[in-house]
Amino acid sequence: MRWIFIILLVLLAACASGEDDSKREVDMLNADGDKLGTATLTEEAEGVKVKLKLEGLAPGWHSIHVHEYAKCDPPDFTSAGNHYNPEDKDHGLMNPKGPHLGDLPNIEADGSGKVDEELTLAEATLMDGKNSLLREEGTSLIVHDQPDDGYSQPAGNSGNRIVCGTITADDEK
């Protein structure tokens, strides 16, 4: 009986710690290191939901992608590598040979430069596996200054990388 009580206490302590392996909060930074907002990633049955809250963007359409490395070195964030593509597909949500796992729909910043959107990375996961966004050292989430045309290789004519955040196992919230 005493062991059952101890096991229950350990389980309750683990639950009370607030740790949740199915959720990550990512700080989104510009090239100057200013925080423009957050992306909250949540594991769901159909993939990973991305709740994006940003400000300070130019009004209009922007592309957003998951990139292959958890590196956001300014000024151009090229350290993040290419789009995350563990299945070796072509780029583009409208491409019959695509998309990359890291391809997401375009986002629109309103007239004041704010974005408040929810997107889904279908087939991605925050758990272990081939499509894990946390594989190796992690991945990154990048906003570009132009919209993605949904087809062009290798990145949809998305323009410059202007906002970056790293997705790592250490981002637990």
Protein backbone atom coordinates (compact mmCIF):
# COMPACT_ATOMS: atom_id res chain seq x y z
CA MET A 1 0.00 0.00 0.00
CA ARG A 2 2.83 2.34 0.87
CA TRP A 3 4.39 1.83 -2.62
CA ILE A 4 1.13 2.67 -4.33
CA PHE A 5 0.96 5.90 -2.34
CA ILE A 6 4.55 6.80 -3.33
CA ILE A 7 3.87 6.03 -7.00
CA LEU A 8 0.73 8.19 -6.93
CA LEU A 9 2.69 11.07 -5.38
CA VAL A 10 5.37 10.82 -8.09
CA LEU A 11 2.71 10.79 -10.82
CA LEU A 12 0.91 13.79 -9.30
CA ALA A 13 4.18 15.71 -9.02
CA ALA A 14 4.95 15.03 -12.68
CA CYS A 15 1.50 16.24 -13.72
CA ALA A 16 1.77 19.35 -11.55
CA SER A 17 5.11 20.33 -13.08
CA GLY A 18 3.23 21.61 -16.13
CA GLU A 19 5.54 19.90 -18.62
CA ASP A 20 3.80 19.03 -21.85
CA ASP A 21 5.68 17.15 -24.57
CA SER A 22 2.95 18.02 -27.06
CA LYS A 23 3.44 21.80 -27.04
CA ARG A 24 6.26 24.26 -27.80
CA GLU A 25 6.38 28.05 -27.74
CA VAL A 26 8.82 29.64 -30.16
CA ASP A 27 10.03 33.25 -29.91
CA MET A 28 10.05 34.83 -33.37
CA LEU A 29 12.91 37.34 -33.85
CA ASN A 30 13.90 39.74 -36.60
CA ALA A 31 17.48 40.22 -37.82
CA ASP A 32 18.12 42.81 -35.07
CA GLY A 33 17.12 40.29 -32.40
CA ASP A 34 13.83 42.05 -31.61
CA LYS A 35 11.02 39.73 -30.59
CA LEU A 36 8.09 40.22 -32.98
CA GLY A 37 5.87 37.61 -31.34
CA THR A 38 5.47 33.89 -30.85
CA ALA A 39 4.49 30.72 -32.59
CA THR A 40 2.84 28.11 -30.37
CA LEU A 41 3.13 24.60 -31.77
CA THR A 42 0.72 21.94 -30.54
CA GLU A 43 0.65 18.23 -31.38
CA GLU A 44 -2.71 17.19 -32.86
CA ALA A 45 -4.03 14.09 -34.61
CA GLU A 46 -3.66 15.58 -38.11
CA GLY A 47 -0.24 17.16 -37.52
CA VAL A 48 1.19 20.15 -35.67
CA LYS A 49 -1.00 23.22 -35.19
CA VAL A 50 0.91 26.51 -35.41
CA LYS A 51 -0.72 29.46 -33.63
CA LEU A 52 1.11 32.51 -34.92
CA LYS A 53 0.97 35.93 -33.23
CA LEU A 54 3.32 38.50 -34.76
CA GLU A 55 3.59 42.26 -35.11
CA GLY A 56 5.97 44.60 -36.90
CA LEU A 57 5.71 43.03 -40.38
CA ALA A 58 5.08 44.97 -43.55
CA PRO A 59 1.35 44.83 -44.33
CA GLY A 60 0.43 42.19 -46.90
CA TRP A 61 1.19 38.57 -47.71
CA HIS A 62 4.23 36.66 -46.44
CA SER A 63 5.35 33.08 -46.77
CA ILE A 64 6.21 30.93 -43.78
CA HIS A 65 8.12 27.65 -43.74
CA VAL A 66 9.79 25.23 -41.38
CA HIS A 67 13.50 25.02 -42.22
CA GLU A 68 15.87 22.13 -41.58
CA TYR A 69 18.15 23.53 -38.84
CA ALA A 70 17.48 25.22 -35.50
CA LYS A 71 19.79 28.11 -36.36
CA CYS A 72 18.71 31.72 -36.76
CA ASP A 73 21.94 33.59 -37.41
CA PRO A 74 21.31 37.17 -38.57
CA PRO A 75 21.16 39.04 -40.77
CA ASP A 76 19.70 36.66 -43.38
CA PHE A 77 18.93 33.45 -41.41
CA THR A 78 20.49 31.28 -44.13
CA SER A 79 21.96 29.22 -41.27
CA ALA A 80 18.49 27.62 -41.00
CA GLY A 81 19.14 25.75 -44.24
CA ASN A 82 16.50 24.72 -46.74
CA HIS A 83 12.88 23.85 -46.14
CA TYR A 84 12.34 20.87 -43.87
CA ASN A 85 11.81 18.00 -46.32
CA PRO A 86 12.37 14.56 -44.76
CA GLU A 87 10.41 12.82 -47.54
CA ASP A 88 12.41 14.40 -50.40
CA LYS A 89 9.42 15.95 -52.17
CA ASP A 90 9.25 19.02 -54.41
CA HIS A 91 8.34 22.41 -52.98
CA GLY A 92 4.84 23.80 -53.00
CA LEU A 93 1.39 23.23 -51.59
CA MET A 94 0.03 23.29 -55.16
CA ASN A 95 2.72 21.01 -56.58
CA PRO A 96 1.56 17.45 -57.40
CA LYS A 97 5.07 16.21 -56.45
CA GLY A 98 5.04 18.15 -53.19
CA PRO A 99 4.85 19.60 -50.72
CA HIS A 100 7.84 19.78 -48.41
CA LEU A 101 6.80 18.89 -44.87
CA GLY A 102 7.79 22.45 -43.91
CA ASP A 103 5.56 24.17 -46.48
CA LEU A 104 2.75 26.23 -44.94
CA PRO A 105 0.06 28.48 -46.42
CA ASN A 106 0.89 32.17 -46.78
CA ILE A 107 0.01 34.51 -43.93
CA GLU A 108 -1.35 38.05 -44.19
CA ALA A 109 -0.19 40.90 -41.99
CA ASP A 110 -2.98 43.44 -41.52
CA GLY A 111 -2.59 47.18 -42.12
CA SER A 112 -0.78 47.59 -38.81
CA GLY A 113 1.62 44.70 -39.52
CA LYS A 114 -0.01 42.18 -37.20
CA VAL A 115 -0.60 38.48 -37.84
CA ASP A 116 -2.91 36.30 -35.75
CA GLU A 117 -3.40 32.98 -37.55
CA GLU A 118 -3.62 29.25 -37.02
CA LEU A 119 -2.00 26.91 -39.53
CA THR A 120 -1.44 23.16 -39.62
CA LEU A 121 1.69 21.26 -40.61
CA ALA A 122 0.03 18.10 -41.85
CA GLU A 123 1.92 14.88 -41.04
CA ALA A 124 4.46 16.71 -38.84
CA THR A 125 4.95 15.76 -35.21
CA LEU A 126 6.58 17.00 -32.02
CA MET A 127 7.12 13.40 -30.95
CA ASP A 128 9.85 11.00 -32.07
CA GLY A 129 9.80 9.87 -35.68
CA LYS A 130 10.82 10.64 -39.24
CA ASN A 131 8.63 13.77 -39.44
CA SER A 132 9.57 15.18 -36.05
CA LEU A 133 10.23 18.91 -35.94
CA LEU A 134 12.49 18.17 -32.96
CA ARG A 135 14.78 15.69 -34.75
CA GLU A 136 18.49 16.05 -34.02
CA GLU A 137 18.94 19.65 -32.75
CA GLY A 138 15.54 20.81 -34.04
CA THR A 139 14.26 22.96 -36.89
CA SER A 140 13.31 26.61 -37.37
CA LEU A 141 10.26 28.58 -38.41
CA ILE A 142 10.93 31.40 -40.87
CA VAL A 143 8.77 34.20 -42.24
CA HIS A 144 9.77 35.63 -45.63
CA ASP A 145 9.11 39.10 -47.02
CA GLN A 146 7.13 37.81 -50.03
CA PRO A 147 4.29 35.31 -50.48
CA ASP A 148 5.04 31.77 -51.64
CA ASP A 149 3.77 31.09 -55.16
CA GLY A 150 3.02 27.50 -54.13
CA TYR A 151 5.00 25.83 -56.88
CA SER A 152 8.41 27.29 -57.86
CA GLN A 153 11.56 25.41 -56.83
CA PRO A 154 13.19 25.39 -54.41
CA ALA A 155 11.24 27.83 -52.20
CA GLY A 156 8.33 29.42 -54.07
CA ASN A 157 9.99 32.77 -54.87
CA SER A 158 9.42 33.71 -51.23
CA GLY A 159 11.99 36.47 -51.03
CA ASN A 160 14.21 37.31 -48.10
CA ARG A 161 14.05 35.64 -44.70
CA ILE A 162 12.95 38.33 -42.24
CA VAL A 163 11.79 36.58 -39.03
CA CYS A 164 13.13 33.37 -37.46
CA GLY A 165 12.49 31.19 -34.43
CA THR A 166 14.04 27.88 -33.40
CA ILE A 167 11.96 24.79 -32.66
CA THR A 168 13.87 22.63 -30.19
CA ALA A 169 13.19 20.17 -27.40
CA ASP A 170 14.23 22.89 -24.95
CA ASP A 171 11.25 25.07 -26.00
CA GLU A 172 8.83 23.23 -23.68
CA LYS A 173 6.22 25.42 -22.06
